[in-house]
């Protein structure tokens, strides 16, 4: 393998900000923030908006889909209005 062609591949802590869960995995991501992990070592910290710990597909939570269509919503809002003659 040639030197200086591949990025550094080391342990990084990923924090899911929506549920507060942390993961330690190897990655090439860089971060200026650091955190002390359970083993006492300091690792770079990368914040995520969503991960497998909070995504509905992985957690098994079901989202309720909208039961009304666009026309039904319009009629619900404006269907009772009459024009003045």
C-alpha atoms as a PDB file:
ATOM      1  CA  UNK A   1       0.000   0.000   0.000  1.00  0.00           C
ATOM      2  CA  UNK A   2       1.348   3.442  -0.912  1.00  0.00           C
ATOM      3  CA  UNK A   3       1.982   5.852   1.943  1.00  0.00           C
ATOM      4  CA  UNK A   4      -0.051   9.084   2.319  1.00  0.00           C
ATOM      5  CA  UNK A   5      -2.772   8.012  -0.140  1.00  0.00           C
ATOM      6  CA  UNK A   6      -5.407   6.789   2.327  1.00  0.00           C
ATOM      7  CA  UNK A   7      -7.030   8.776   5.144  1.00  0.00           C
ATOM      8  CA  UNK A   8      -6.480   7.807   8.787  1.00  0.00           C
ATOM      9  CA  UNK A   9      -8.878   5.064   9.859  1.00  0.00           C
ATOM     10  CA  UNK A  10      -9.305   5.066  13.625  1.00  0.00           C
ATOM     11  CA  UNK A  11     -11.959   4.886  16.336  1.00  0.00           C
ATOM     12  CA  UNK A  12     -14.523   7.706  16.460  1.00  0.00           C
ATOM     13  CA  UNK A  13     -17.519   8.240  18.763  1.00  0.00           C
ATOM     14  CA  UNK A  14     -20.809   8.951  16.979  1.00  0.00           C
ATOM     15  CA  UNK A  15     -23.541  10.546  19.118  1.00  0.00           C
ATOM     16  CA  UNK A  16     -27.178  10.411  18.040  1.00  0.00           C
ATOM     17  CA  UNK A  17     -28.537  13.784  19.194  1.00  0.00           C
ATOM     18  CA  UNK A  18     -32.191  12.709  18.938  1.00  0.00           C
ATOM     19  CA  UNK A  19     -31.890   9.896  21.510  1.00  0.00           C
ATOM     20  CA  UNK A  20     -28.499  10.541  23.133  1.00  0.00           C
ATOM     21  CA  UNK A  21     -26.974   7.150  22.323  1.00  0.00           C
ATOM     22  CA  UNK A  22     -23.233   6.891  21.592  1.00  0.00           C
ATOM     23  CA  UNK A  23     -21.445   4.445  19.268  1.00  0.00           C
ATOM     24  CA  UNK A  24     -17.713   3.751  19.005  1.00  0.00           C
ATOM     25  CA  UNK A  25     -16.750   2.551  15.559  1.00  0.00           C
ATOM     26  CA  UNK A  26     -13.833   2.978  13.218  1.00  0.00           C
ATOM     27  CA  UNK A  27     -14.163   5.730  10.652  1.00  0.00           C
ATOM     28  CA  UNK A  28     -12.232   8.282   8.609  1.00  0.00           C
ATOM     29  CA  UNK A  29     -14.399  11.168   9.923  1.00  0.00           C
ATOM     30  CA  UNK A  30     -12.577  14.055  11.585  1.00  0.00           C
ATOM     31  CA  UNK A  31     -13.907  16.290  14.355  1.00  0.00           C
ATOM     32  CA  UNK A  32     -12.604  19.091  16.557  1.00  0.00           C
ATOM     33  CA  UNK A  33     -14.744  17.866  19.480  1.00  0.00           C
ATOM     34  CA  UNK A  34     -13.505  15.063  21.709  1.00  0.00           C
ATOM     35  CA  UNK A  35     -15.044  12.876  24.396  1.00  0.00           C
ATOM     36  CA  UNK A  36     -13.716  10.399  26.956  1.00  0.00           C
ATOM     37  CA  UNK A  37     -15.115   6.916  26.269  1.00  0.00           C
ATOM     38  CA  UNK A  38     -15.905   4.133  28.756  1.00  0.00           C
ATOM     39  CA  UNK A  39     -12.401   2.684  28.384  1.00  0.00           C
ATOM     40  CA  UNK A  40     -10.816   5.958  29.564  1.00  0.00           C
ATOM     41  CA  UNK A  41      -9.403   6.952  26.164  1.00  0.00           C
ATOM     42  CA  UNK A  42     -10.232  10.213  24.386  1.00  0.00           C
ATOM     43  CA  UNK A  43     -11.795   9.943  20.920  1.00  0.00           C
ATOM     44  CA  UNK A  44     -13.129  12.445  18.353  1.00  0.00           C
ATOM     45  CA  UNK A  45     -16.896  13.088  18.677  1.00  0.00           C
ATOM     46  CA  UNK A  46     -19.178  13.336  15.636  1.00  0.00           C
ATOM     47  CA  UNK A  47     -22.831  14.351  16.193  1.00  0.00           C
ATOM     48  CA  UNK A  48     -25.598  12.794  14.081  1.00  0.00           C
ATOM     49  CA  UNK A  49     -29.228  13.865  13.710  1.00  0.00           C
ATOM     50  CA  UNK A  50     -30.484  10.317  13.305  1.00  0.00           C
ATOM     51  CA  UNK A  51     -28.975   6.834  13.483  1.00  0.00           C
ATOM     52  CA  UNK A  52     -30.143   3.245  13.709  1.00  0.00           C
ATOM     53  CA  UNK A  53     -30.935   3.837  17.407  1.00  0.00           C
ATOM     54  CA  UNK A  54     -33.628   6.410  16.599  1.00  0.00           C
ATOM     55  CA  UNK A  55     -34.735   5.715  13.013  1.00  0.00           C
ATOM     56  CA  UNK A  56     -38.264   4.217  12.833  1.00  0.00           C
ATOM     57  CA  UNK A  57     -37.212   1.556  10.331  1.00  0.00           C
ATOM     58  CA  UNK A  58     -34.676   0.087  12.751  1.00  0.00           C
ATOM     59  CA  UNK A  59     -36.559   0.663  16.003  1.00  0.00           C
ATOM     60  CA  UNK A  60     -39.823  -0.866  14.783  1.00  0.00           C
ATOM     61  CA  UNK A  61     -41.900   2.216  15.561  1.00  0.00           C
ATOM     62  CA  UNK A  62     -44.670   2.898  13.132  1.00  0.00           C
ATOM     63  CA  UNK A  63     -45.557   6.377  12.018  1.00  0.00           C
ATOM     64  CA  UNK A  64     -49.179   7.130  11.417  1.00  0.00           C
ATOM     65  CA  UNK A  65     -49.715   8.114   7.829  1.00  0.00           C
ATOM     66  CA  UNK A  66     -52.060  10.937   6.940  1.00  0.00           C
ATOM     67  CA  UNK A  67     -55.482   9.456   6.421  1.00  0.00           C
ATOM     68  CA  UNK A  68     -56.866  12.431   4.542  1.00  0.00           C
ATOM     69  CA  UNK A  69     -55.951  13.385   1.012  1.00  0.00           C
ATOM     70  CA  UNK A  70     -55.207  16.881  -0.230  1.00  0.00           C
ATOM     71  CA  UNK A  71     -58.743  17.474  -1.549  1.00  0.00           C
ATOM     72  CA  UNK A  72     -60.309  16.289   1.702  1.00  0.00           C
ATOM     73  CA  UNK A  73     -58.074  18.659   3.657  1.00  0.00           C
ATOM     74  CA  UNK A  74     -59.076  21.543   1.379  1.00  0.00           C
ATOM     75  CA  UNK A  75     -62.786  20.756   1.738  1.00  0.00           C
ATOM     76  CA  UNK A  76     -62.392  20.485   5.491  1.00  0.00           C
ATOM     77  CA  UNK A  77     -60.874  23.957   5.644  1.00  0.00           C
ATOM     78  CA  UNK A  78     -62.842  25.820   2.985  1.00  0.00           C
ATOM     79  CA  UNK A  79     -65.843  23.627   2.142  1.00  0.00           C
ATOM     80  CA  UNK A  80     -68.329  25.436   4.394  1.00  0.00           C
ATOM     81  CA  UNK A  81     -67.644  28.901   2.969  1.00  0.00           C
ATOM     82  CA  UNK A  82     -70.160  30.434   0.616  1.00  0.00           C
ATOM     83  CA  UNK A  83     -69.681  33.356  -1.720  1.00  0.00           C
ATOM     84  CA  UNK A  84     -71.649  36.544  -1.181  1.00  0.00           C
ATOM     85  CA  UNK A  85     -73.976  37.428  -4.015  1.00  0.00           C
END
